[in-house]
Amino acid sequence: MNDPLFAGVNRVKDPAAPTDLEKKHLPDISAPAEVKAREPFAVTITIGKNLPHPDEGGHWIQWLELYAGEGYLARADLTATVSATPVTFTLKLNQDADLVVRARCNLHGVWENRVPIKVQ
């Protein structure tokens, strides 16, 4: 993605050995590896799946956005101590794509993860 707004996005540097900071902030994307063209499927996003992210007045996930490649699909805005992940979206795709999730922590910036989806 070439969007200058996200030039400083955080990603896990070593997937084999993520740090605790990375574990708390990495969007975990649960989606089928293959889907049928134009048929609905669920995508569930959890932040800090293996090490929970704080959800308190001074430290929380503000929003998450979902993309297919560079194409914007959906957004969820979250409020400290009231709303949290997991968040589930229902999608329909026409072609193979990388699903990309960006999530913003109010203290630690934007974090990104991606998974490939094959469309039959």
PDB file of N, CA and C in Angstrom:
ATOM      1  N   MET A   1       0.839  -1.171   0.000  1.00  0.00           N
ATOM      2  CA  MET A   1       0.000   0.000   0.000  1.00  0.00           C
ATOM      3  C   MET A   1       0.884   1.234   0.000  1.00  0.00           C
ATOM      4  N   ASN A   2       0.543   2.155  -0.827  1.00  0.00           N
ATOM      5  CA  ASN A   2       1.375   3.334  -0.999  1.00  0.00           C
ATOM      6  C   ASN A   2       0.769   4.585  -0.396  1.00  0.00           C
ATOM      7  N   ASP A   3      -0.192   4.445   0.473  1.00  0.00           N
ATOM      8  CA  ASP A   3      -0.861   5.591   1.085  1.00  0.00           C
ATOM      9  C   ASP A   3       0.091   6.270   2.062  1.00  0.00           C
ATOM     10  N   PRO A   4       0.473   7.548   1.831  1.00  0.00           N
ATOM     11  CA  PRO A   4       1.418   8.222   2.725  1.00  0.00           C
ATOM     12  C   PRO A   4       0.886   8.382   4.146  1.00  0.00           C
ATOM     13  N   LEU A   5      -0.434   8.350   4.310  1.00  0.00           N
ATOM     14  CA  LEU A   5      -1.013   8.449   5.640  1.00  0.00           C
ATOM     15  C   LEU A   5      -0.529   7.311   6.536  1.00  0.00           C
ATOM     16  N   PHE A   6      -0.219   6.155   5.925  1.00  0.00           N
ATOM     17  CA  PHE A   6       0.183   4.981   6.697  1.00  0.00           C
ATOM     18  C   PHE A   6       1.661   4.634   6.498  1.00  0.00           C
ATOM     19  N   ALA A   7       2.475   5.612   6.147  1.00  0.00           N
ATOM     20  CA  ALA A   7       3.900   5.372   5.915  1.00  0.00           C
ATOM     21  C   ALA A   7       4.583   4.836   7.168  1.00  0.00           C
ATOM     22  N   GLY A   8       4.130   5.230   8.348  1.00  0.00           N
ATOM     23  CA  GLY A   8       4.754   4.798   9.593  1.00  0.00           C
ATOM     24  C   GLY A   8       4.025   3.655  10.268  1.00  0.00           C
ATOM     25  N   VAL A   9       3.260   2.867   9.507  1.00  0.00           N
ATOM     26  CA  VAL A   9       2.490   1.779  10.105  1.00  0.00           C
ATOM     27  C   VAL A   9       3.416   0.733  10.716  1.00  0.00           C
ATOM     28  N   ASN A  10       2.989   0.185  11.836  1.00  0.00           N
ATOM     29  CA  ASN A  10       3.759  -0.841  12.545  1.00  0.00           C
ATOM     30  C   ASN A  10       3.359  -2.227  12.057  1.00  0.00           C
ATOM     31  N   ARG A  11       4.351  -3.090  11.908  1.00  0.00           N
ATOM     32  CA  ARG A  11       4.139  -4.489  11.546  1.00  0.00           C
ATOM     33  C   ARG A  11       5.060  -5.342  12.406  1.00  0.00           C
ATOM     34  N   VAL A  12       4.747  -6.611  12.544  1.00  0.00           N
ATOM     35  CA  VAL A  12       5.623  -7.516  13.288  1.00  0.00           C
ATOM     36  C   VAL A  12       6.922  -7.667  12.502  1.00  0.00           C
ATOM     37  N   LYS A  13       8.032  -7.424  13.155  1.00  0.00           N
ATOM     38  CA  LYS A  13       9.326  -7.484  12.482  1.00  0.00           C
ATOM     39  C   LYS A  13       9.795  -8.917  12.254  1.00  0.00           C
ATOM     40  N   ASP A  14       9.593  -9.787  13.252  1.00  0.00           N
ATOM     41  CA  ASP A  14       9.994 -11.187  13.138  1.00  0.00           C
ATOM     42  C   ASP A  14       8.807 -12.061  13.537  1.00  0.00           C
ATOM     43  N   PRO A  15       8.034 -12.550  12.560  1.00  0.00           N
ATOM     44  CA  PRO A  15       6.847 -13.344  12.887  1.00  0.00           C
ATOM     45  C   PRO A  15       7.134 -14.581  13.745  1.00  0.00           C
ATOM     46  N   ALA A  16       8.338 -15.086  13.686  1.00  0.00           N
ATOM     47  CA  ALA A  16       8.700 -16.257  14.491  1.00  0.00           C
ATOM     48  C   ALA A  16       8.920 -15.893  15.956  1.00  0.00           C
ATOM     49  N   ALA A  17       9.155 -14.619  16.231  1.00  0.00           N
ATOM     50  CA  ALA A  17       9.424 -14.195  17.607  1.00  0.00           C
ATOM     51  C   ALA A  17       8.874 -12.798  17.864  1.00  0.00           C
ATOM     52  N   PRO A  18       7.538 -12.630  17.838  1.00  0.00           N
ATOM     53  CA  PRO A  18       6.980 -11.295  18.085  1.00  0.00           C
ATOM     54  C   PRO A  18       7.215 -10.831  19.519  1.00  0.00           C
ATOM     55  N   THR A  19       7.416  -9.546  19.693  1.00  0.00           N
ATOM     56  CA  THR A  19       7.579  -8.978  21.024  1.00  0.00           C
ATOM     57  C   THR A  19       6.216  -8.891  21.699  1.00  0.00           C
ATOM     58  N   ASP A  20       6.199  -8.646  23.009  1.00  0.00           N
ATOM     59  CA  ASP A  20       4.923  -8.476  23.713  1.00  0.00           C
ATOM     60  C   ASP A  20       4.152  -7.279  23.166  1.00  0.00           C
ATOM     61  N   LEU A  21       4.842  -6.193  22.837  1.00  0.00           N
ATOM     62  CA  LEU A  21       4.184  -5.029  22.258  1.00  0.00           C
ATOM     63  C   LEU A  21       3.501  -5.408  20.944  1.00  0.00           C
ATOM     64  N   GLU A  22       4.193  -6.176  20.102  1.00  0.00           N
ATOM     65  CA  GLU A  22       3.615  -6.608  18.835  1.00  0.00           C
ATOM     66  C   GLU A  22       2.425  -7.540  19.063  1.00  0.00           C
ATOM     67  N   LYS A  23       2.545  -8.470  20.006  1.00  0.00           N
ATOM     68  CA  LYS A  23       1.448  -9.400  20.297  1.00  0.00           C
ATOM     69  C   LYS A  23       0.191  -8.668  20.750  1.00  0.00           C
ATOM     70  N   LYS A  24       0.343  -7.605  21.534  1.00  0.00           N
ATOM     71  CA  LYS A  24      -0.806  -6.846  22.052  1.00  0.00           C
ATOM     72  C   LYS A  24      -1.501  -6.020  20.977  1.00  0.00           C
ATOM     73  N   HIS A  25      -0.780  -5.678  19.919  1.00  0.00           N
ATOM     74  CA  HIS A  25      -1.320  -4.742  18.934  1.00  0.00           C
ATOM     75  C   HIS A  25      -1.617  -5.339  17.561  1.00  0.00           C
ATOM     76  N   LEU A  26      -1.098  -6.509  17.270  1.00  0.00           N
ATOM     77  CA  LEU A  26      -1.265  -7.097  15.947  1.00  0.00           C
ATOM     78  C   LEU A  26      -2.705  -7.524  15.708  1.00  0.00           C
ATOM     79  N   PRO A  27      -3.332  -7.031  14.642  1.00  0.00           N
ATOM     80  CA  PRO A  27      -4.674  -7.515  14.312  1.00  0.00           C
ATOM     81  C   PRO A  27      -4.604  -8.978  13.866  1.00  0.00           C
ATOM     82  N   ASP A  28      -5.365  -9.834  14.518  1.00  0.00           N
ATOM     83  CA  ASP A  28      -5.481 -11.228  14.115  1.00  0.00           C
ATOM     84  C   ASP A  28      -6.698 -11.329  13.200  1.00  0.00           C
ATOM     85  N   ILE A  29      -6.510 -11.903  12.022  1.00  0.00           N
ATOM     86  CA  ILE A  29      -7.566 -11.973  11.010  1.00  0.00           C
ATOM     87  C   ILE A  29      -8.000 -13.422  10.861  1.00  0.00           C
ATOM     88  N   SER A  30      -9.247 -13.685  11.187  1.00  0.00           N
ATOM     89  CA  SER A  30      -9.809 -15.022  11.021  1.00  0.00           C
ATOM     90  C   SER A  30     -10.744 -14.994   9.820  1.00  0.00           C
ATOM     91  N   ALA A  31     -10.336 -15.696   8.745  1.00  0.00           N
ATOM     92  CA  ALA A  31     -11.114 -15.726   7.507  1.00  0.00           C
ATOM     93  C   ALA A  31     -10.778 -17.010   6.770  1.00  0.00           C
ATOM     94  N   PRO A  32     -11.690 -17.500   5.938  1.00  0.00           N
ATOM     95  CA  PRO A  32     -11.369 -18.691   5.156  1.00  0.00           C
ATOM     96  C   PRO A  32     -10.259 -18.385   4.151  1.00  0.00           C
ATOM     97  N   ALA A  33      -9.437 -19.377   3.851  1.00  0.00           N
ATOM     98  CA  ALA A  33      -8.363 -19.203   2.874  1.00  0.00           C
ATOM     99  C   ALA A  33      -8.910 -19.136   1.453  1.00  0.00           C
ATOM    100  N   GLU A  34     -10.058 -19.793   1.231  1.00  0.00           N
ATOM    101  CA  GLU A  34     -10.699 -19.792  -0.086  1.00  0.00           C
ATOM    102  C   GLU A  34     -12.180 -19.494   0.065  1.00  0.00           C
ATOM    103  N   VAL A  35     -12.707 -18.703  -0.849  1.00  0.00           N
ATOM    104  CA  VAL A  35     -14.132 -18.366  -0.852  1.00  0.00           C
ATOM    105  C   VAL A  35     -14.651 -18.458  -2.278  1.00  0.00           C
ATOM    106  N   LYS A  36     -15.969 -18.511  -2.418  1.00  0.00           N
ATOM    107  CA  LYS A  36     -16.590 -18.492  -3.736  1.00  0.00           C
ATOM    108  C   LYS A  36     -16.873 -17.044  -4.137  1.00  0.00           C
ATOM    109  N   ALA A  37     -16.664 -16.754  -5.398  1.00  0.00           N
ATOM    110  CA  ALA A  37     -16.867 -15.394  -5.908  1.00  0.00           C
ATOM    111  C   ALA A  37     -18.272 -14.898  -5.598  1.00  0.00           C
ATOM    112  N   ARG A  38     -18.337 -13.690  -5.078  1.00  0.00           N
ATOM    113  CA  ARG A  38     -19.584 -12.975  -4.799  1.00  0.00           C
ATOM    114  C   ARG A  38     -20.486 -13.658  -3.767  1.00  0.00           C
ATOM    115  N   GLU A  39     -19.945 -14.581  -2.985  1.00  0.00           N
ATOM    116  CA  GLU A  39     -20.730 -15.205  -1.915  1.00  0.00           C
ATOM    117  C   GLU A  39     -20.246 -14.678  -0.564  1.00  0.00           C
ATOM    118  N   PRO A  40     -21.155 -14.339   0.335  1.00  0.00           N
ATOM    119  CA  PRO A  40     -20.769 -13.762   1.627  1.00  0.00           C
ATOM    120  C   PRO A  40     -19.940 -14.725   2.478  1.00  0.00           C
ATOM    121  N   PHE A  41     -18.975 -14.145   3.180  1.00  0.00           N
ATOM    122  CA  PHE A  41     -18.177 -14.895   4.157  1.00  0.00           C
ATOM    123  C   PHE A  41     -17.799 -13.954   5.296  1.00  0.00           C
ATOM    124  N   ALA A  42     -17.525 -14.543   6.444  1.00  0.00           N
ATOM    125  CA  ALA A  42     -17.218 -13.751   7.644  1.00  0.00           C
ATOM    126  C   ALA A  42     -15.715 -13.554   7.805  1.00  0.00           C
ATOM    127  N   VAL A  43     -15.359 -12.366   8.247  1.00  0.00           N
ATOM    128  CA  VAL A  43     -13.985 -12.023   8.622  1.00  0.00           C
ATOM    129  C   VAL A  43     -14.055 -11.468  10.040  1.00  0.00           C
ATOM    130  N   THR A  44     -13.361 -12.129  10.954  1.00  0.00           N
ATOM    131  CA  THR A  44     -13.350 -11.683  12.347  1.00  0.00           C
ATOM    132  C   THR A  44     -11.958 -11.186  12.698  1.00  0.00           C
ATOM    133  N   ILE A  45     -11.915 -10.011  13.309  1.00  0.00           N
ATOM    134  CA  ILE A  45     -10.649  -9.374  13.666  1.00  0.00           C
ATOM    135  C   ILE A  45     -10.592  -9.229  15.179  1.00  0.00           C
ATOM    136  N   THR A  46      -9.483  -9.710  15.730  1.00  0.00           N
ATOM    137  CA  THR A  46      -9.229  -9.594  17.161  1.00  0.00           C
ATOM    138  C   THR A  46      -7.882  -8.901  17.340  1.00  0.00           C
ATOM    139  N   ILE A  47      -7.818  -7.967  18.245  1.00  0.00           N
ATOM    140  CA  ILE A  47      -6.549  -7.303  18.559  1.00  0.00           C
ATOM    141  C   ILE A  47      -6.011  -7.935  19.834  1.00  0.00           C
ATOM    142  N   GLY A  48      -4.743  -8.334  19.781  1.00  0.00           N
ATOM    143  CA  GLY A  48      -4.131  -8.940  20.953  1.00  0.00           C
ATOM    144  C   GLY A  48      -4.711 -10.301  21.287  1.00  0.00           C
ATOM    145  N   LYS A  49      -4.888 -11.142  20.288  1.00  0.00           N
ATOM    146  CA  LYS A  49      -5.504 -12.451  20.495  1.00  0.00           C
ATOM    147  C   LYS A  49      -4.730 -13.296  21.511  1.00  0.00           C
ATOM    148  N   ASN A  50      -3.400 -13.295  21.420  1.00  0.00           N
ATOM    149  CA  ASN A  50      -2.584 -14.125  22.314  1.00  0.00           C
ATOM    150  C   ASN A  50      -2.066 -13.388  23.541  1.00  0.00           C
ATOM    151  N   LEU A  51      -2.183 -12.082  23.534  1.00  0.00           N
ATOM    152  CA  LEU A  51      -1.796 -11.260  24.678  1.00  0.00           C
ATOM    153  C   LEU A  51      -2.722 -10.049  24.647  1.00  0.00           C
ATOM    154  N   PRO A  52      -3.756 -10.034  25.490  1.00  0.00           N
ATOM    155  CA  PRO A  52      -4.804  -9.019  25.382  1.00  0.00           C
ATOM    156  C   PRO A  52      -4.290  -7.579  25.425  1.00  0.00           C
ATOM    157  N   HIS A  53      -4.886  -6.770  24.578  1.00  0.00           N
ATOM    158  CA  HIS A  53      -4.584  -5.344  24.562  1.00  0.00           C
ATOM    159  C   HIS A  53      -5.372  -4.674  25.685  1.00  0.00           C
ATOM    160  N   PRO A  54      -4.787  -3.689  26.384  1.00  0.00           N
ATOM    161  CA  PRO A  54      -5.551  -2.961  27.406  1.00  0.00           C
ATOM    162  C   PRO A  54      -6.782  -2.289  26.808  1.00  0.00           C
ATOM    163  N   ASP A  55      -7.789  -2.159  27.604  1.00  0.00           N
ATOM    164  CA  ASP A  55      -9.011  -1.467  27.210  1.00  0.00           C
ATOM    165  C   ASP A  55      -9.423  -0.601  28.396  1.00  0.00           C
ATOM    166  N   GLU A  56      -8.747   0.543  28.504  1.00  0.00           N
ATOM    167  CA  GLU A  56      -8.993   1.444  29.629  1.00  0.00           C
ATOM    168  C   GLU A  56      -9.016   2.875  29.103  1.00  0.00           C
ATOM    169  N   GLY A  57      -9.424   3.796  29.921  1.00  0.00           N
ATOM    170  CA  GLY A  57      -9.577   5.178  29.506  1.00  0.00           C
ATOM    171  C   GLY A  57      -8.365   5.805  28.853  1.00  0.00           C
ATOM    172  N   GLY A  58      -7.167   5.410  29.243  1.00  0.00           N
ATOM    173  CA  GLY A  58      -5.961   6.012  28.702  1.00  0.00           C
ATOM    174  C   GLY A  58      -5.245   5.169  27.669  1.00  0.00           C
ATOM    175  N   HIS A  59      -5.755   3.978  27.352  1.00  0.00           N
ATOM    176  CA  HIS A  59      -5.056   3.075  26.425  1.00  0.00           C
ATOM    177  C   HIS A  59      -6.065   2.098  25.833  1.00  0.00           C
ATOM    178  N   TRP A  60      -6.372   2.278  24.546  1.00  0.00           N
ATOM    179  CA  TRP A  60      -7.338   1.389  23.905  1.00  0.00           C
ATOM    180  C   TRP A  60      -7.155   1.432  22.389  1.00  0.00           C
ATOM    181  N   ILE A  61      -7.818   0.513  21.709  1.00  0.00           N
ATOM    182  CA  ILE A  61      -7.852   0.496  20.243  1.00  0.00           C
ATOM    183  C   ILE A  61      -8.983   1.429  19.808  1.00  0.00           C
ATOM    184  N   GLN A  62      -8.633   2.462  19.038  1.00  0.00           N
ATOM    185  CA  GLN A  62      -9.599   3.474  18.629  1.00  0.00           C
ATOM    186  C   GLN A  62     -10.442   3.041  17.428  1.00  0.00           C
ATOM    187  N   TRP A  63      -9.809   2.381  16.470  1.00  0.00           N
ATOM    188  CA  TRP A  63     -10.523   1.946  15.280  1.00  0.00           C
ATOM    189  C   TRP A  63      -9.760   0.845  14.577  1.00  0.00           C
ATOM    190  N   LEU A  64     -10.452   0.162  13.693  1.00  0.00           N
ATOM    191  CA  LEU A  64      -9.794  -0.766  12.784  1.00  0.00           C
ATOM    192  C   LEU A  64     -10.442  -0.634  11.424  1.00  0.00           C
ATOM    193  N   GLU A  65      -9.617  -0.799  10.383  1.00  0.00           N
ATOM    194  CA  GLU A  65     -10.095  -0.700   9.010  1.00  0.00           C
ATOM    195  C   GLU A  65      -9.718  -1.962   8.256  1.00  0.00           C
ATOM    196  N   LEU A  66     -10.570  -2.330   7.324  1.00  0.00           N
ATOM    197  CA  LEU A  66     -10.377  -3.541   6.532  1.00  0.00           C
ATOM    198  C   LEU A  66     -10.290  -3.156   5.054  1.00  0.00           C
ATOM    199  N   TYR A  67      -9.286  -3.713   4.367  1.00  0.00           N
ATOM    200  CA  TYR A  67      -9.049  -3.456   2.955  1.00  0.00           C
ATOM    201  C   TYR A  67      -8.909  -4.778   2.209  1.00  0.00           C
ATOM    202  N   ALA A  68      -9.226  -4.770   0.918  1.00  0.00           N
ATOM    203  CA  ALA A  68      -8.865  -5.853   0.002  1.00  0.00           C
ATOM    204  C   ALA A  68      -7.793  -5.248  -0.893  1.00  0.00           C
ATOM    205  N   GLY A  69      -6.538  -5.619  -0.652  1.00  0.00           N
ATOM    206  CA  GLY A  69      -5.436  -4.942  -1.329  1.00  0.00           C
ATOM    207  C   GLY A  69      -5.424  -3.498  -0.885  1.00  0.00           C
ATOM    208  N   GLU A  70      -5.576  -2.572  -1.835  1.00  0.00           N
ATOM    209  CA  GLU A  70      -5.631  -1.149  -1.491  1.00  0.00           C
ATOM    210  C   GLU A  70      -7.060  -0.610  -1.488  1.00  0.00           C
ATOM    211  N   GLY A  71      -8.026  -1.496  -1.715  1.00  0.00           N
ATOM    212  CA  GLY A  71      -9.411  -1.059  -1.760  1.00  0.00           C
ATOM    213  C   GLY A  71     -10.067  -1.102  -0.389  1.00  0.00           C
ATOM    214  N   TYR A  72     -10.546   0.034   0.055  1.00  0.00           N
ATOM    215  CA  TYR A  72     -11.201   0.158   1.361  1.00  0.00           C
ATOM    216  C   TYR A  72     -12.511  -0.631   1.377  1.00  0.00           C
ATOM    217  N   LEU A  73     -12.737  -1.413   2.458  1.00  0.00           N
ATOM    218  CA  LEU A  73     -13.950  -2.209   2.599  1.00  0.00           C
ATOM    219  C   LEU A  73     -14.825  -1.774   3.765  1.00  0.00           C
ATOM    220  N   ALA A  74     -14.229  -1.585   4.942  1.00  0.00           N
ATOM    221  CA  ALA A  74     -15.050  -1.343   6.130  1.00  0.00           C
ATOM    222  C   ALA A  74     -14.198  -0.753   7.249  1.00  0.00           C
ATOM    223  N   ARG A  75     -14.916  -0.193   8.247  1.00  0.00           N
ATOM    224  CA  ARG A  75     -14.255   0.389   9.418  1.00  0.00           C
ATOM    225  C   ARG A  75     -15.141   0.174  10.635  1.00  0.00           C
ATOM    226  N   ALA A  76     -14.493  -0.034  11.786  1.00  0.00           N
ATOM    227  CA  ALA A  76     -15.193  -0.078  13.066  1.00  0.00           C
ATOM    228  C   ALA A  76     -14.498   0.903  13.998  1.00  0.00           C
ATOM    229  N   ASP A  77     -15.268   1.824  14.594  1.00  0.00           N
ATOM    230  CA  ASP A  77     -14.747   2.751  15.592  1.00  0.00           C
ATOM    231  C   ASP A  77     -15.077   2.197  16.964  1.00  0.00           C
ATOM    232  N   LEU A  78     -14.087   2.192  17.854  1.00  0.00           N
ATOM    233  CA  LEU A  78     -14.248   1.624  19.186  1.00  0.00           C
ATOM    234  C   LEU A  78     -14.088   2.706  20.241  1.00  0.00           C
ATOM    235  N   THR A  79     -14.737   2.525  21.357  1.00  0.00           N
ATOM    236  CA  THR A  79     -14.688   3.472  22.464  1.00  0.00           C
ATOM    237  C   THR A  79     -14.075   2.783  23.680  1.00  0.00           C
ATOM    238  N   ALA A  80     -13.173   3.466  24.353  1.00  0.00           N
ATOM    239  CA  ALA A  80     -12.490   2.888  25.518  1.00  0.00           C
ATOM    240  C   ALA A  80     -13.494   2.376  26.536  1.00  0.00           C
ATOM    241  N   THR A  81     -13.244   1.195  27.043  1.00  0.00           N
ATOM    242  CA  THR A  81     -13.992   0.497  28.102  1.00  0.00           C
ATOM    243  C   THR A  81     -15.418   0.119  27.710  1.00  0.00           C
ATOM    244  N   VAL A  82     -15.886   0.490  26.519  1.00  0.00           N
ATOM    245  CA  VAL A  82     -17.264   0.207  26.118  1.00  0.00           C
ATOM    246  C   VAL A  82     -17.320  -0.798  24.970  1.00  0.00           C
ATOM    247  N   SER A  83     -16.507  -0.585  23.927  1.00  0.00           N
ATOM    248  CA  SER A  83     -16.503  -1.498  22.779  1.00  0.00           C
ATOM    249  C   SER A  83     -15.108  -2.082  22.607  1.00  0.00           C
ATOM    250  N   ALA A  84     -15.058  -3.290  22.048  1.00  0.00           N
ATOM    251  CA  ALA A  84     -13.779  -3.980  21.924  1.00  0.00           C
ATOM    252  C   ALA A  84     -13.865  -5.014  20.808  1.00  0.00           C
ATOM    253  N   THR A  85     -12.726  -5.577  20.476  1.00  0.00           N
ATOM    254  CA  THR A  85     -12.710  -6.679  19.531  1.00  0.00           C
ATOM    255  C   THR A  85     -12.976  -7.971  20.298  1.00  0.00           C
ATOM    256  N   PRO A  86     -13.454  -9.009  19.615  1.00  0.00           N
ATOM    257  CA  PRO A  86     -13.465  -9.173  18.170  1.00  0.00           C
ATOM    258  C   PRO A  86     -14.596  -8.415  17.485  1.00  0.00           C
ATOM    259  N   VAL A  87     -14.307  -8.058  16.229  1.00  0.00           N
ATOM    260  CA  VAL A  87     -15.275  -7.415  15.346  1.00  0.00           C
ATOM    261  C   VAL A  87     -15.407  -8.310  14.120  1.00  0.00           C
ATOM    262  N   THR A  88     -16.636  -8.551  13.672  1.00  0.00           N
ATOM    263  CA  THR A  88     -16.862  -9.408  12.509  1.00  0.00           C
ATOM    264  C   THR A  88     -17.531  -8.608  11.393  1.00  0.00           C
ATOM    265  N   PHE A  89     -16.974  -8.752  10.197  1.00  0.00           N
ATOM    266  CA  PHE A  89     -17.537  -8.158   8.989  1.00  0.00           C
ATOM    267  C   PHE A  89     -17.959  -9.288   8.059  1.00  0.00           C
ATOM    268  N   THR A  90     -18.985  -9.051   7.262  1.00  0.00           N
ATOM    269  CA  THR A  90     -19.374  -9.982   6.217  1.00  0.00           C
ATOM    270  C   THR A  90     -18.995  -9.359   4.879  1.00  0.00           C
ATOM    271  N   LEU A  91     -18.226 -10.114   4.086  1.00  0.00           N
ATOM    272  CA  LEU A  91     -17.707  -9.605   2.823  1.00  0.00           C
ATOM    273  C   LEU A  91     -18.121 -10.481   1.654  1.00  0.00           C
ATOM    274  N   LYS A  92     -17.988  -9.922   0.457  1.00  0.00           N
ATOM    275  CA  LYS A  92     -18.095 -10.663  -0.799  1.00  0.00           C
ATOM    276  C   LYS A  92     -16.957 -10.160  -1.683  1.00  0.00           C
ATOM    277  N   LEU A  93     -16.171 -11.074  -2.228  1.00  0.00           N
ATOM    278  CA  LEU A  93     -15.069 -10.695  -3.114  1.00  0.00           C
ATOM    279  C   LEU A  93     -15.297 -11.267  -4.505  1.00  0.00           C
ATOM    280  N   ASN A  94     -14.752 -10.586  -5.509  1.00  0.00           N
ATOM    281  CA  ASN A  94     -14.839 -11.054  -6.888  1.00  0.00           C
ATOM    282  C   ASN A  94     -13.546 -11.672  -7.389  1.00  0.00           C
ATOM    283  N   GLN A  95     -12.442 -11.354  -6.707  1.00  0.00           N
ATOM    284  CA  GLN A  95     -11.135 -11.843  -7.153  1.00  0.00           C
ATOM    285  C   GLN A  95     -10.209 -12.031  -5.962  1.00  0.00           C
ATOM    286  N   ASP A  96      -9.133 -12.788  -6.180  1.00  0.00           N
ATOM    287  CA  ASP A  96      -8.136 -13.006  -5.138  1.00  0.00           C
ATOM    288  C   ASP A  96      -7.671 -11.664  -4.581  1.00  0.00           C
ATOM    289  N   ALA A  97      -7.412 -11.643  -3.280  1.00  0.00           N
ATOM    290  CA  ALA A  97      -6.961 -10.397  -2.660  1.00  0.00           C
ATOM    291  C   ALA A  97      -6.258 -10.697  -1.345  1.00  0.00           C
ATOM    292  N   ASP A  98      -5.393  -9.791  -0.953  1.00  0.00           N
ATOM    293  CA  ASP A  98      -4.875  -9.786   0.410  1.00  0.00           C
ATOM    294  C   ASP A  98      -5.855  -8.987   1.240  1.00  0.00           C
ATOM    295  N   LEU A  99      -6.403  -9.604   2.299  1.00  0.00           N
ATOM    296  CA  LEU A  99      -7.183  -8.826   3.259  1.00  0.00           C
ATOM    297  C   LEU A  99      -6.185  -8.148   4.176  1.00  0.00           C
ATOM    298  N   VAL A 100      -6.322  -6.861   4.317  1.00  0.00           N
ATOM    299  CA  VAL A 100      -5.405  -6.058   5.130  1.00  0.00           C
ATOM    300  C   VAL A 100      -6.223  -5.400   6.230  1.00  0.00           C
ATOM    301  N   VAL A 101      -5.733  -5.527   7.470  1.00  0.00           N
ATOM    302  CA  VAL A 101      -6.368  -4.847   8.596  1.00  0.00           C
ATOM    303  C   VAL A 101      -5.369  -3.872   9.187  1.00  0.00           C
ATOM    304  N   ARG A 102      -5.849  -2.658   9.412  1.00  0.00           N
ATOM    305  CA  ARG A 102      -5.071  -1.648  10.136  1.00  0.00           C
ATOM    306  C   ARG A 102      -5.875  -1.275  11.369  1.00  0.00           C
ATOM    307  N   ALA A 103      -5.202  -1.249  12.503  1.00  0.00           N
ATOM    308  CA  ALA A 103      -5.859  -0.894  13.764  1.00  0.00           C
ATOM    309  C   ALA A 103      -5.024   0.177  14.444  1.00  0.00           C
ATOM    310  N   ARG A 104      -5.708   1.157  15.050  1.00  0.00           N
ATOM    311  CA  ARG A 104      -4.990   2.253  15.704  1.00  0.00           C
ATOM    312  C   ARG A 104      -5.155   2.206  17.213  1.00  0.00           C
ATOM    313  N   CYS A 105      -4.015   2.077  17.893  1.00  0.00           N
ATOM    314  CA  CYS A 105      -3.948   2.204  19.346  1.00  0.00           C
ATOM    315  C   CYS A 105      -3.699   3.689  19.648  1.00  0.00           C
ATOM    316  N   ASN A 106      -4.407   4.226  20.618  1.00  0.00           N
ATOM    317  CA  ASN A 106      -4.262   5.652  20.907  1.00  0.00           C
ATOM    318  C   ASN A 106      -2.854   6.010  21.406  1.00  0.00           C
ATOM    319  N   LEU A 107      -2.095   5.046  21.922  1.00  0.00           N
ATOM    320  CA  LEU A 107      -0.738   5.322  22.398  1.00  0.00           C
ATOM    321  C   LEU A 107       0.368   4.831  21.471  1.00  0.00           C
ATOM    322  N   HIS A 108       0.121   3.744  20.729  1.00  0.00           N
ATOM    323  CA  HIS A 108       1.187   3.081  19.975  1.00  0.00           C
ATOM    324  C   HIS A 108       0.978   3.085  18.470  1.00  0.00           C
ATOM    325  N   GLY A 109       0.065   3.906  17.977  1.00  0.00           N
ATOM    326  CA  GLY A 109      -0.075   4.100  16.540  1.00  0.00           C
ATOM    327  C   GLY A 109      -0.824   3.005  15.799  1.00  0.00           C
ATOM    328  N   VAL A 110      -0.622   3.005  14.492  1.00  0.00           N
ATOM    329  CA  VAL A 110      -1.334   2.100  13.587  1.00  0.00           C
ATOM    330  C   VAL A 110      -0.531   0.810  13.402  1.00  0.00           C
ATOM    331  N   TRP A 111      -1.245  -0.315  13.475  1.00  0.00           N
ATOM    332  CA  TRP A 111      -0.665  -1.646  13.311  1.00  0.00           C
ATOM    333  C   TRP A 111      -1.375  -2.347  12.165  1.00  0.00           C
ATOM    334  N   GLU A 112      -0.617  -3.153  11.415  1.00  0.00           N
ATOM    335  CA  GLU A 112      -1.175  -3.790  10.227  1.00  0.00           C
ATOM    336  C   GLU A 112      -0.843  -5.272  10.183  1.00  0.00           C
ATOM    337  N   ASN A 113      -1.805  -6.026   9.655  1.00  0.00           N
ATOM    338  CA  ASN A 113      -1.604  -7.441   9.363  1.00  0.00           C
ATOM    339  C   ASN A 113      -2.381  -7.751   8.100  1.00  0.00           C
ATOM    340  N   ARG A 114      -2.037  -8.850   7.428  1.00  0.00           N
ATOM    341  CA  ARG A 114      -2.699  -9.228   6.184  1.00  0.00           C
ATOM    342  C   ARG A 114      -2.738 -10.730   6.024  1.00  0.00           C
ATOM    343  N   VAL A 115      -3.768 -11.198   5.299  1.00  0.00           N
ATOM    344  CA  VAL A 115      -3.870 -12.604   4.940  1.00  0.00           C
ATOM    345  C   VAL A 115      -4.373 -12.696   3.500  1.00  0.00           C
ATOM    346  N   PRO A 116      -3.868 -13.668   2.732  1.00  0.00           N
ATOM    347  CA  PRO A 116      -4.354 -13.836   1.365  1.00  0.00           C
ATOM    348  C   PRO A 116      -5.678 -14.609   1.338  1.00  0.00           C
ATOM    349  N   ILE A 117      -6.550 -14.222   0.424  1.00  0.00           N
ATOM    350  CA  ILE A 117      -7.823 -14.912   0.209  1.00  0.00           C
ATOM    351  C   ILE A 117      -7.881 -15.303  -1.262  1.00  0.00           C
ATOM    352  N   LYS A 118      -8.122 -16.570  -1.520  1.00  0.00           N
ATOM    353  CA  LYS A 118      -8.271 -17.060  -2.884  1.00  0.00           C
ATOM    354  C   LYS A 118      -9.758 -17.136  -3.215  1.00  0.00           C
ATOM    355  N   VAL A 119     -10.122 -16.628  -4.380  1.00  0.00           N
ATOM    356  CA  VAL A 119     -11.526 -16.616  -4.805  1.00  0.00           C
ATOM    357  C   VAL A 119     -11.692 -17.607  -5.957  1.00  0.00           C
ATOM    358  N   GLN A 120     -12.674 -18.495  -5.803  1.00  0.00           N
ATOM    359  CA  GLN A 120     -12.944 -19.498  -6.836  1.00  0.00           C
ATOM    360  C   GLN A 120     -14.048 -19.030  -7.765  1.00  0.00           C
TER     361      GLN A 120
END
